[in-house]
Amino acid sequence: MIYVFHLLDKPGGLELRQRMRPEHKAYLGAMAERIAFAGPLLADDGATMVGSVLAIDFDSREAALQWQAQEPFTRAGLYASVSVHAFQNLWPQKAGFPPKA
């Protein structure tokens, strides 16, 4: 089952996010074969990272929550809010989306 993680940073968390990002990316990399999609949420300026959305296949909700509890941003205290929901993908992904101009 795919679980979607909607994770919002604490105010002023950008420096912590930048500092922990290499460890976060390595942790995600270990799950690369299970990731449906993942990336940062952005502020209205389209550049400033304010959170994360991850969609990852796990055997159970408990496994998803255990994984998330060990995630580097979580351990560093970056997130102000965390929600995890089971997800059913009913719309096929398009390769190369969004299209390049």
PDB file of N, CA and C in Angstrom:
ATOM      1  N   MET A   1       0.845  -1.169   0.000  1.00  0.00           N
ATOM      2  CA  MET A   1       0.000   0.000   0.000  1.00  0.00           C
ATOM      3  C   MET A   1       0.888   1.229   0.000  1.00  0.00           C
ATOM      4  N   ILE A   2       0.529   2.203  -0.802  1.00  0.00           N
ATOM      5  CA  ILE A   2       1.259   3.477  -0.805  1.00  0.00           C
ATOM      6  C   ILE A   2       0.734   4.340   0.333  1.00  0.00           C
ATOM      7  N   TYR A   3       1.656   4.960   1.048  1.00  0.00           N
ATOM      8  CA  TYR A   3       1.320   5.916   2.104  1.00  0.00           C
ATOM      9  C   TYR A   3       1.885   7.272   1.709  1.00  0.00           C
ATOM     10  N   VAL A   4       1.040   8.288   1.855  1.00  0.00           N
ATOM     11  CA  VAL A   4       1.456   9.655   1.554  1.00  0.00           C
ATOM     12  C   VAL A   4       1.727  10.373   2.868  1.00  0.00           C
ATOM     13  N   PHE A   5       2.888  10.978   2.926  1.00  0.00           N
ATOM     14  CA  PHE A   5       3.321  11.761   4.080  1.00  0.00           C
ATOM     15  C   PHE A   5       3.221  13.234   3.689  1.00  0.00           C
ATOM     16  N   HIS A   6       2.443  14.000   4.441  1.00  0.00           N
ATOM     17  CA  HIS A   6       2.336  15.451   4.241  1.00  0.00           C
ATOM     18  C   HIS A   6       2.991  16.077   5.473  1.00  0.00           C
ATOM     19  N   LEU A   7       4.130  16.727   5.260  1.00  0.00           N
ATOM     20  CA  LEU A   7       4.994  17.163   6.350  1.00  0.00           C
ATOM     21  C   LEU A   7       5.275  18.655   6.202  1.00  0.00           C
ATOM     22  N   LEU A   8       4.886  19.445   7.182  1.00  0.00           N
ATOM     23  CA  LEU A   8       5.105  20.887   7.152  1.00  0.00           C
ATOM     24  C   LEU A   8       6.173  21.280   8.163  1.00  0.00           C
ATOM     25  N   ASP A   9       7.131  22.086   7.702  1.00  0.00           N
ATOM     26  CA  ASP A   9       8.236  22.520   8.550  1.00  0.00           C
ATOM     27  C   ASP A   9       7.769  23.505   9.616  1.00  0.00           C
ATOM     28  N   LYS A  10       8.511  23.540  10.724  1.00  0.00           N
ATOM     29  CA  LYS A  10       8.309  24.569  11.736  1.00  0.00           C
ATOM     30  C   LYS A  10       8.725  25.911  11.145  1.00  0.00           C
ATOM     31  N   PRO A  11       8.125  27.009  11.584  1.00  0.00           N
ATOM     32  CA  PRO A  11       8.576  28.327  11.116  1.00  0.00           C
ATOM     33  C   PRO A  11      10.075  28.489  11.386  1.00  0.00           C
ATOM     34  N   GLY A  12      10.769  29.064  10.426  1.00  0.00           N
ATOM     35  CA  GLY A  12      12.203  29.281  10.564  1.00  0.00           C
ATOM     36  C   GLY A  12      13.038  28.019  10.421  1.00  0.00           C
ATOM     37  N   GLY A  13      12.476  26.973   9.840  1.00  0.00           N
ATOM     38  CA  GLY A  13      13.174  25.697   9.748  1.00  0.00           C
ATOM     39  C   GLY A  13      14.092  25.537   8.543  1.00  0.00           C
ATOM     40  N   LEU A  14      14.197  26.547   7.693  1.00  0.00           N
ATOM     41  CA  LEU A  14      14.954  26.385   6.446  1.00  0.00           C
ATOM     42  C   LEU A  14      16.422  26.032   6.685  1.00  0.00           C
ATOM     43  N   GLU A  15      17.064  26.666   7.660  1.00  0.00           N
ATOM     44  CA  GLU A  15      18.480  26.380   7.913  1.00  0.00           C
ATOM     45  C   GLU A  15      18.652  24.932   8.359  1.00  0.00           C
ATOM     46  N   LEU A  16      17.781  24.452   9.242  1.00  0.00           N
ATOM     47  CA  LEU A  16      17.832  23.057   9.687  1.00  0.00           C
ATOM     48  C   LEU A  16      17.580  22.117   8.516  1.00  0.00           C
ATOM     49  N   ARG A  17      16.615  22.443   7.668  1.00  0.00           N
ATOM     50  CA  ARG A  17      16.321  21.633   6.474  1.00  0.00           C
ATOM     51  C   ARG A  17      17.560  21.526   5.591  1.00  0.00           C
ATOM     52  N   GLN A  18      18.202  22.644   5.324  1.00  0.00           N
ATOM     53  CA  GLN A  18      19.384  22.645   4.450  1.00  0.00           C
ATOM     54  C   GLN A  18      20.515  21.819   5.065  1.00  0.00           C
ATOM     55  N   ARG A  19      20.703  21.953   6.370  1.00  0.00           N
ATOM     56  CA  ARG A  19      21.784  21.239   7.050  1.00  0.00           C
ATOM     57  C   ARG A  19      21.541  19.729   7.046  1.00  0.00           C
ATOM     58  N   MET A  20      20.288  19.298   7.217  1.00  0.00           N
ATOM     59  CA  MET A  20      19.960  17.872   7.301  1.00  0.00           C
ATOM     60  C   MET A  20      19.667  17.236   5.942  1.00  0.00           C
ATOM     61  N   ARG A  21      19.597  18.032   4.897  1.00  0.00           N
ATOM     62  CA  ARG A  21      19.157  17.536   3.587  1.00  0.00           C
ATOM     63  C   ARG A  21      19.999  16.370   3.054  1.00  0.00           C
ATOM     64  N   PRO A  22      21.339  16.398   3.146  1.00  0.00           N
ATOM     65  CA  PRO A  22      22.102  15.240   2.639  1.00  0.00           C
ATOM     66  C   PRO A  22      21.722  13.926   3.343  1.00  0.00           C
ATOM     67  N   GLU A  23      21.536  13.979   4.662  1.00  0.00           N
ATOM     68  CA  GLU A  23      21.156  12.776   5.408  1.00  0.00           C
ATOM     69  C   GLU A  23      19.736  12.334   5.016  1.00  0.00           C
ATOM     70  N   HIS A  24      18.840  13.300   4.854  1.00  0.00           N
ATOM     71  CA  HIS A  24      17.466  13.019   4.422  1.00  0.00           C
ATOM     72  C   HIS A  24      17.463  12.334   3.053  1.00  0.00           C
ATOM     73  N   LYS A  25      18.233  12.874   2.112  1.00  0.00           N
ATOM     74  CA  LYS A  25      18.264  12.305   0.762  1.00  0.00           C
ATOM     75  C   LYS A  25      18.853  10.897   0.769  1.00  0.00           C
ATOM     76  N   ALA A  26      19.852  10.656   1.593  1.00  0.00           N
ATOM     77  CA  ALA A  26      20.433   9.311   1.697  1.00  0.00           C
ATOM     78  C   ALA A  26      19.409   8.333   2.273  1.00  0.00           C
ATOM     79  N   TYR A  27      18.643   8.788   3.259  1.00  0.00           N
ATOM     80  CA  TYR A  27      17.610   7.935   3.864  1.00  0.00           C
ATOM     81  C   TYR A  27      16.543   7.590   2.834  1.00  0.00           C
ATOM     82  N   LEU A  28      16.126   8.577   2.054  1.00  0.00           N
ATOM     83  CA  LEU A  28      15.168   8.318   0.973  1.00  0.00           C
ATOM     84  C   LEU A  28      15.772   7.393  -0.082  1.00  0.00           C
ATOM     85  N   GLY A  29      17.043   7.590  -0.389  1.00  0.00           N
ATOM     86  CA  GLY A  29      17.704   6.783  -1.406  1.00  0.00           C
ATOM     87  C   GLY A  29      17.662   5.298  -1.096  1.00  0.00           C
ATOM     88  N   ALA A  30      17.688   4.954   0.183  1.00  0.00           N
ATOM     89  CA  ALA A  30      17.612   3.548   0.572  1.00  0.00           C
ATOM     90  C   ALA A  30      16.239   2.949   0.255  1.00  0.00           C
ATOM     91  N   MET A  31      15.247   3.809   0.002  1.00  0.00           N
ATOM     92  CA  MET A  31      13.879   3.370  -0.316  1.00  0.00           C
ATOM     93  C   MET A  31      13.525   3.633  -1.779  1.00  0.00           C
ATOM     94  N   ALA A  32      14.490   3.950  -2.596  1.00  0.00           N
ATOM     95  CA  ALA A  32      14.241   4.418  -3.963  1.00  0.00           C
ATOM     96  C   ALA A  32      13.282   3.529  -4.746  1.00  0.00           C
ATOM     97  N   GLU A  33      13.386   2.228  -4.601  1.00  0.00           N
ATOM     98  CA  GLU A  33      12.532   1.314  -5.366  1.00  0.00           C
ATOM     99  C   GLU A  33      11.072   1.351  -4.916  1.00  0.00           C
ATOM    100  N   ARG A  34      10.808   1.903  -3.736  1.00  0.00           N
ATOM    101  CA  ARG A  34       9.455   1.941  -3.181  1.00  0.00           C
ATOM    102  C   ARG A  34       8.803   3.318  -3.302  1.00  0.00           C
ATOM    103  N   ILE A  35       9.539   4.323  -3.768  1.00  0.00           N
ATOM    104  CA  ILE A  35       9.020   5.689  -3.811  1.00  0.00           C
ATOM    105  C   ILE A  35       8.206   5.896  -5.081  1.00  0.00           C
ATOM    106  N   ALA A  36       6.933   6.279  -4.905  1.00  0.00           N
ATOM    107  CA  ALA A  36       6.082   6.630  -6.050  1.00  0.00           C
ATOM    108  C   ALA A  36       6.384   8.055  -6.490  1.00  0.00           C
ATOM    109  N   PHE A  37       6.502   8.968  -5.524  1.00  0.00           N
ATOM    110  CA  PHE A  37       6.937  10.338  -5.780  1.00  0.00           C
ATOM    111  C   PHE A  37       7.357  10.958  -4.458  1.00  0.00           C
ATOM    112  N   ALA A  38       8.196  11.981  -4.536  1.00  0.00           N
ATOM    113  CA  ALA A  38       8.687  12.658  -3.334  1.00  0.00           C
ATOM    114  C   ALA A  38       9.265  13.999  -3.728  1.00  0.00           C
ATOM    115  N   GLY A  39       9.140  14.965  -2.832  1.00  0.00           N
ATOM    116  CA  GLY A  39       9.747  16.264  -3.076  1.00  0.00           C
ATOM    117  C   GLY A  39       9.325  17.278  -2.043  1.00  0.00           C
ATOM    118  N   PRO A  40       9.972  18.451  -2.103  1.00  0.00           N
ATOM    119  CA  PRO A  40       9.657  19.493  -1.145  1.00  0.00           C
ATOM    120  C   PRO A  40       8.378  20.246  -1.516  1.00  0.00           C
ATOM    121  N   LEU A  41       7.693  20.715  -0.482  1.00  0.00           N
ATOM    122  CA  LEU A  41       6.613  21.686  -0.676  1.00  0.00           C
ATOM    123  C   LEU A  41       7.268  23.059  -0.712  1.00  0.00           C
ATOM    124  N   LEU A  42       6.749  23.942  -1.555  1.00  0.00           N
ATOM    125  CA  LEU A  42       7.367  25.247  -1.752  1.00  0.00           C
ATOM    126  C   LEU A  42       6.440  26.379  -1.329  1.00  0.00           C
ATOM    127  N   ALA A  43       7.040  27.453  -0.844  1.00  0.00           N
ATOM    128  CA  ALA A  43       6.304  28.673  -0.531  1.00  0.00           C
ATOM    129  C   ALA A  43       5.814  29.305  -1.839  1.00  0.00           C
ATOM    130  N   ASP A  44       5.027  30.342  -1.722  1.00  0.00           N
ATOM    131  CA  ASP A  44       4.465  31.008  -2.894  1.00  0.00           C
ATOM    132  C   ASP A  44       5.526  31.565  -3.841  1.00  0.00           C
ATOM    133  N   ASP A  45       6.762  31.747  -3.363  1.00  0.00           N
ATOM    134  CA  ASP A  45       7.819  32.232  -4.253  1.00  0.00           C
ATOM    135  C   ASP A  45       8.311  31.146  -5.207  1.00  0.00           C
ATOM    136  N   GLY A  46       7.841  29.914  -5.017  1.00  0.00           N
ATOM    137  CA  GLY A  46       8.215  28.811  -5.904  1.00  0.00           C
ATOM    138  C   GLY A  46       9.612  28.277  -5.680  1.00  0.00           C
ATOM    139  N   ALA A  47      10.291  28.748  -4.624  1.00  0.00           N
ATOM    140  CA  ALA A  47      11.663  28.318  -4.392  1.00  0.00           C
ATOM    141  C   ALA A  47      11.940  27.910  -2.945  1.00  0.00           C
ATOM    142  N   THR A  48      11.343  28.580  -1.996  1.00  0.00           N
ATOM    143  CA  THR A  48      11.624  28.326  -0.583  1.00  0.00           C
ATOM    144  C   THR A  48      10.915  27.057  -0.113  1.00  0.00           C
ATOM    145  N   MET A  49      11.689  26.092   0.386  1.00  0.00           N
ATOM    146  CA  MET A  49      11.124  24.828   0.856  1.00  0.00           C
ATOM    147  C   MET A  49      10.468  25.024   2.214  1.00  0.00           C
ATOM    148  N   VAL A  50       9.217  24.531   2.338  1.00  0.00           N
ATOM    149  CA  VAL A  50       8.452  24.699   3.578  1.00  0.00           C
ATOM    150  C   VAL A  50       7.916  23.368   4.121  1.00  0.00           C
ATOM    151  N   GLY A  51       8.238  22.282   3.487  1.00  0.00           N
ATOM    152  CA  GLY A  51       7.749  20.977   3.910  1.00  0.00           C
ATOM    153  C   GLY A  51       8.091  19.923   2.883  1.00  0.00           C
ATOM    154  N   SER A  52       7.452  18.769   3.021  1.00  0.00           N
ATOM    155  CA  SER A  52       7.713  17.652   2.115  1.00  0.00           C
ATOM    156  C   SER A  52       6.433  16.877   1.852  1.00  0.00           C
ATOM    157  N   VAL A  53       6.367  16.266   0.678  1.00  0.00           N
ATOM    158  CA  VAL A  53       5.336  15.281   0.352  1.00  0.00           C
ATOM    159  C   VAL A  53       6.071  14.050  -0.161  1.00  0.00           C
ATOM    160  N   LEU A  54       5.760  12.920   0.451  1.00  0.00           N
ATOM    161  CA  LEU A  54       6.377  11.659   0.063  1.00  0.00           C
ATOM    162  C   LEU A  54       5.273  10.638  -0.148  1.00  0.00           C
ATOM    163  N   ALA A  55       5.394   9.831  -1.172  1.00  0.00           N
ATOM    164  CA  ALA A  55       4.464   8.723  -1.405  1.00  0.00           C
ATOM    165  C   ALA A  55       5.312   7.473  -1.581  1.00  0.00           C
ATOM    166  N   ILE A  56       5.203   6.571  -0.593  1.00  0.00           N
ATOM    167  CA  ILE A  56       6.104   5.425  -0.528  1.00  0.00           C
ATOM    168  C   ILE A  56       5.300   4.169  -0.212  1.00  0.00           C
ATOM    169  N   ASP A  57       5.655   3.069  -0.858  1.00  0.00           N
ATOM    170  CA  ASP A  57       5.002   1.781  -0.648  1.00  0.00           C
ATOM    171  C   ASP A  57       5.545   1.111   0.612  1.00  0.00           C
ATOM    172  N   PHE A  58       4.635   0.745   1.519  1.00  0.00           N
ATOM    173  CA  PHE A  58       4.986   0.015   2.734  1.00  0.00           C
ATOM    174  C   PHE A  58       4.033  -1.158   2.891  1.00  0.00           C
ATOM    175  N   ASP A  59       4.460  -2.152   3.640  1.00  0.00           N
ATOM    176  CA  ASP A  59       3.630  -3.325   3.894  1.00  0.00           C
ATOM    177  C   ASP A  59       2.465  -3.021   4.825  1.00  0.00           C
ATOM    178  N   SER A  60       2.621  -1.982   5.665  1.00  0.00           N
ATOM    179  CA  SER A  60       1.579  -1.644   6.627  1.00  0.00           C
ATOM    180  C   SER A  60       1.736  -0.192   7.067  1.00  0.00           C
ATOM    181  N   ARG A  61       0.679   0.349   7.664  1.00  0.00           N
ATOM    182  CA  ARG A  61       0.746   1.697   8.235  1.00  0.00           C
ATOM    183  C   ARG A  61       1.801   1.752   9.343  1.00  0.00           C
ATOM    184  N   GLU A  62       1.869   0.693  10.136  1.00  0.00           N
ATOM    185  CA  GLU A  62       2.848   0.651  11.214  1.00  0.00           C
ATOM    186  C   GLU A  62       4.275   0.752  10.665  1.00  0.00           C
ATOM    187  N   ALA A  63       4.550   0.052   9.570  1.00  0.00           N
ATOM    188  CA  ALA A  63       5.879   0.129   8.949  1.00  0.00           C
ATOM    189  C   ALA A  63       6.148   1.539   8.426  1.00  0.00           C
ATOM    190  N   ALA A  64       5.141   2.175   7.850  1.00  0.00           N
ATOM    191  CA  ALA A  64       5.293   3.547   7.353  1.00  0.00           C
ATOM    192  C   ALA A  64       5.601   4.503   8.504  1.00  0.00           C
ATOM    193  N   LEU A  65       4.884   4.364   9.603  1.00  0.00           N
ATOM    194  CA  LEU A  65       5.097   5.242  10.756  1.00  0.00           C
ATOM    195  C   LEU A  65       6.457   4.998  11.402  1.00  0.00           C
ATOM    196  N   GLN A  66       6.891   3.743  11.459  1.00  0.00           N
ATOM    197  CA  GLN A  66       8.218   3.441  12.002  1.00  0.00           C
ATOM    198  C   GLN A  66       9.305   4.055  11.130  1.00  0.00           C
ATOM    199  N   TRP A  67       9.142   3.946   9.805  1.00  0.00           N
ATOM    200  CA  TRP A  67      10.118   4.533   8.885  1.00  0.00           C
ATOM    201  C   TRP A  67      10.168   6.041   9.082  1.00  0.00           C
ATOM    202  N   GLN A  68       9.008   6.661   9.154  1.00  0.00           N
ATOM    203  CA  GLN A  68       8.937   8.119   9.286  1.00  0.00           C
ATOM    204  C   GLN A  68       9.545   8.586  10.606  1.00  0.00           C
ATOM    205  N   ALA A  69       9.377   7.820  11.667  1.00  0.00           N
ATOM    206  CA  ALA A  69       9.934   8.193  12.966  1.00  0.00           C
ATOM    207  C   ALA A  69      11.459   8.246  12.945  1.00  0.00           C
ATOM    208  N   GLN A  70      12.088   7.471  12.048  1.00  0.00           N
ATOM    209  CA  GLN A  70      13.549   7.442  11.945  1.00  0.00           C
ATOM    210  C   GLN A  70      14.093   8.370  10.859  1.00  0.00           C
ATOM    211  N   GLU A  71      13.218   9.008  10.116  1.00  0.00           N
ATOM    212  CA  GLU A  71      13.615   9.900   9.022  1.00  0.00           C
ATOM    213  C   GLU A  71      14.409  11.074   9.606  1.00  0.00           C
ATOM    214  N   PRO A  72      15.519  11.468   8.982  1.00  0.00           N
ATOM    215  CA  PRO A  72      16.401  12.493   9.549  1.00  0.00           C
ATOM    216  C   PRO A  72      15.732  13.837   9.862  1.00  0.00           C
ATOM    217  N   PHE A  73      14.855  14.331   9.006  1.00  0.00           N
ATOM    218  CA  PHE A  73      14.181  15.589   9.311  1.00  0.00           C
ATOM    219  C   PHE A  73      13.307  15.432  10.558  1.00  0.00           C
ATOM    220  N   THR A  74      12.653  14.282  10.687  1.00  0.00           N
ATOM    221  CA  THR A  74      11.821  14.020  11.862  1.00  0.00           C
ATOM    222  C   THR A  74      12.681  13.988  13.120  1.00  0.00           C
ATOM    223  N   ARG A  75      13.767  13.230  13.085  1.00  0.00           N
ATOM    224  CA  ARG A  75      14.652  13.119  14.253  1.00  0.00           C
ATOM    225  C   ARG A  75      15.252  14.463  14.642  1.00  0.00           C
ATOM    226  N   ALA A  76      15.475  15.347  13.659  1.00  0.00           N
ATOM    227  CA  ALA A  76      16.044  16.668  13.929  1.00  0.00           C
ATOM    228  C   ALA A  76      15.000  17.654  14.449  1.00  0.00           C
ATOM    229  N   GLY A  77      13.710  17.272  14.423  1.00  0.00           N
ATOM    230  CA  GLY A  77      12.662  18.156  14.918  1.00  0.00           C
ATOM    231  C   GLY A  77      12.223  19.218  13.930  1.00  0.00           C
ATOM    232  N   LEU A  78      12.387  18.970  12.634  1.00  0.00           N
ATOM    233  CA  LEU A  78      12.048  19.968  11.620  1.00  0.00           C
ATOM    234  C   LEU A  78      10.542  20.191  11.472  1.00  0.00           C
ATOM    235  N   TYR A  79       9.750  19.147  11.590  1.00  0.00           N
ATOM    236  CA  TYR A  79       8.343  19.247  11.212  1.00  0.00           C
ATOM    237  C   TYR A  79       7.449  19.803  12.318  1.00  0.00           C
ATOM    238  N   ALA A  80       6.579  20.745  11.924  1.00  0.00           N
ATOM    239  CA  ALA A  80       5.545  21.274  12.812  1.00  0.00           C
ATOM    240  C   ALA A  80       4.318  20.379  12.774  1.00  0.00           C
ATOM    241  N   SER A  81       4.054  19.784  11.615  1.00  0.00           N
ATOM    242  CA  SER A  81       2.904  18.882  11.501  1.00  0.00           C
ATOM    243  C   SER A  81       3.233  17.736  10.564  1.00  0.00           C
ATOM    244  N   VAL A  82       2.655  16.590  10.902  1.00  0.00           N
ATOM    245  CA  VAL A  82       2.880  15.354  10.146  1.00  0.00           C
ATOM    246  C   VAL A  82       1.526  14.679   9.964  1.00  0.00           C
ATOM    247  N   SER A  83       1.210  14.318   8.730  1.00  0.00           N
ATOM    248  CA  SER A  83       0.049  13.459   8.511  1.00  0.00           C
ATOM    249  C   SER A  83       0.445  12.359   7.544  1.00  0.00           C
ATOM    250  N   VAL A  84      -0.094  11.167   7.791  1.00  0.00           N
ATOM    251  CA  VAL A  84       0.218   9.991   6.985  1.00  0.00           C
ATOM    252  C   VAL A  84      -1.106   9.325   6.628  1.00  0.00           C
ATOM    253  N   HIS A  85      -1.304   9.124   5.321  1.00  0.00           N
ATOM    254  CA  HIS A  85      -2.554   8.528   4.853  1.00  0.00           C
ATOM    255  C   HIS A  85      -2.278   7.454   3.810  1.00  0.00           C
ATOM    256  N   ALA A  86      -3.067   6.392   3.850  1.00  0.00           N
ATOM    257  CA  ALA A  86      -3.019   5.398   2.775  1.00  0.00           C
ATOM    258  C   ALA A  86      -3.506   6.081   1.497  1.00  0.00           C
ATOM    259  N   PHE A  87      -2.968   5.645   0.356  1.00  0.00           N
ATOM    260  CA  PHE A  87      -3.243   6.308  -0.920  1.00  0.00           C
ATOM    261  C   PHE A  87      -3.428   5.249  -1.998  1.00  0.00           C
ATOM    262  N   GLN A  88      -4.440   5.462  -2.828  1.00  0.00           N
ATOM    263  CA  GLN A  88      -4.657   4.593  -3.977  1.00  0.00           C
ATOM    264  C   GLN A  88      -4.479   5.434  -5.226  1.00  0.00           C
ATOM    265  N   ASN A  89      -3.488   5.106  -6.032  1.00  0.00           N
ATOM    266  CA  ASN A  89      -3.210   5.861  -7.251  1.00  0.00           C
ATOM    267  C   ASN A  89      -4.127   5.374  -8.366  1.00  0.00           C
ATOM    268  N   LEU A  90      -5.088   6.203  -8.749  1.00  0.00           N
ATOM    269  CA  LEU A  90      -6.025   5.850  -9.816  1.00  0.00           C
ATOM    270  C   LEU A  90      -5.739   6.590 -11.116  1.00  0.00           C
ATOM    271  N   TRP A  91      -4.712   7.429 -11.118  1.00  0.00           N
ATOM    272  CA  TRP A  91      -4.365   8.184 -12.313  1.00  0.00           C
ATOM    273  C   TRP A  91      -2.919   7.883 -12.656  1.00  0.00           C
ATOM    274  N   PRO A  92      -2.665   7.310 -13.826  1.00  0.00           N
ATOM    275  CA  PRO A  92      -1.291   6.919 -14.168  1.00  0.00           C
ATOM    276  C   PRO A  92      -0.357   8.123 -14.275  1.00  0.00           C
ATOM    277  N   GLN A  93       0.872   7.911 -13.841  1.00  0.00           N
ATOM    278  CA  GLN A  93       1.895   8.947 -13.925  1.00  0.00           C
ATOM    279  C   GLN A  93       2.314   9.150 -15.376  1.00  0.00           C
ATOM    280  N   LYS A  94       2.672  10.366 -15.690  1.00  0.00           N
ATOM    281  CA  LYS A  94       3.182  10.685 -17.020  1.00  0.00           C
ATOM    282  C   LYS A  94       4.692  10.891 -16.922  1.00  0.00           C
ATOM    283  N   ALA A  95       5.426  10.175 -17.728  1.00  0.00           N
ATOM    284  CA  ALA A  95       6.882  10.345 -17.748  1.00  0.00           C
ATOM    285  C   ALA A  95       7.220  11.752 -18.209  1.00  0.00           C
ATOM    286  N   GLY A  96       8.166  12.364 -17.538  1.00  0.00           N
ATOM    287  CA  GLY A  96       8.627  13.689 -17.937  1.00  0.00           C
ATOM    288  C   GLY A  96       7.652  14.814 -17.598  1.00  0.00           C
ATOM    289  N   PHE A  97       6.755  14.605 -16.642  1.00  0.00           N
ATOM    290  CA  PHE A  97       5.820  15.654 -16.251  1.00  0.00           C
ATOM    291  C   PHE A  97       6.418  16.467 -15.133  1.00  0.00           C
ATOM    292  N   PRO A  98       6.285  17.767 -15.122  1.00  0.00           N
ATOM    293  CA  PRO A  98       5.600  18.584 -16.112  1.00  0.00           C
ATOM    294  C   PRO A  98       6.438  18.743 -17.376  1.00  0.00           C
ATOM    295  N   PRO A  99       5.779  19.017 -18.496  1.00  0.00           N
ATOM    296  CA  PRO A  99       6.513  19.173 -19.755  1.00  0.00           C
ATOM    297  C   PRO A  99       7.464  20.356 -19.692  1.00  0.00           C
ATOM    298  N   LYS A 100       8.590  20.190 -20.326  1.00  0.00           N
ATOM    299  CA  LYS A 100       9.595  21.271 -20.398  1.00  0.00           C
ATOM    300  C   LYS A 100       9.178  22.261 -21.470  1.00  0.00           C
ATOM    301  N   ALA A 101       9.350  23.529 -21.166  1.00  0.00           N
ATOM    302  CA  ALA A 101       8.978  24.592 -22.132  1.00  0.00           C
ATOM    303  C   ALA A 101      10.018  24.725 -23.211  1.00  0.00           C
TER     304      ALA A 101
END
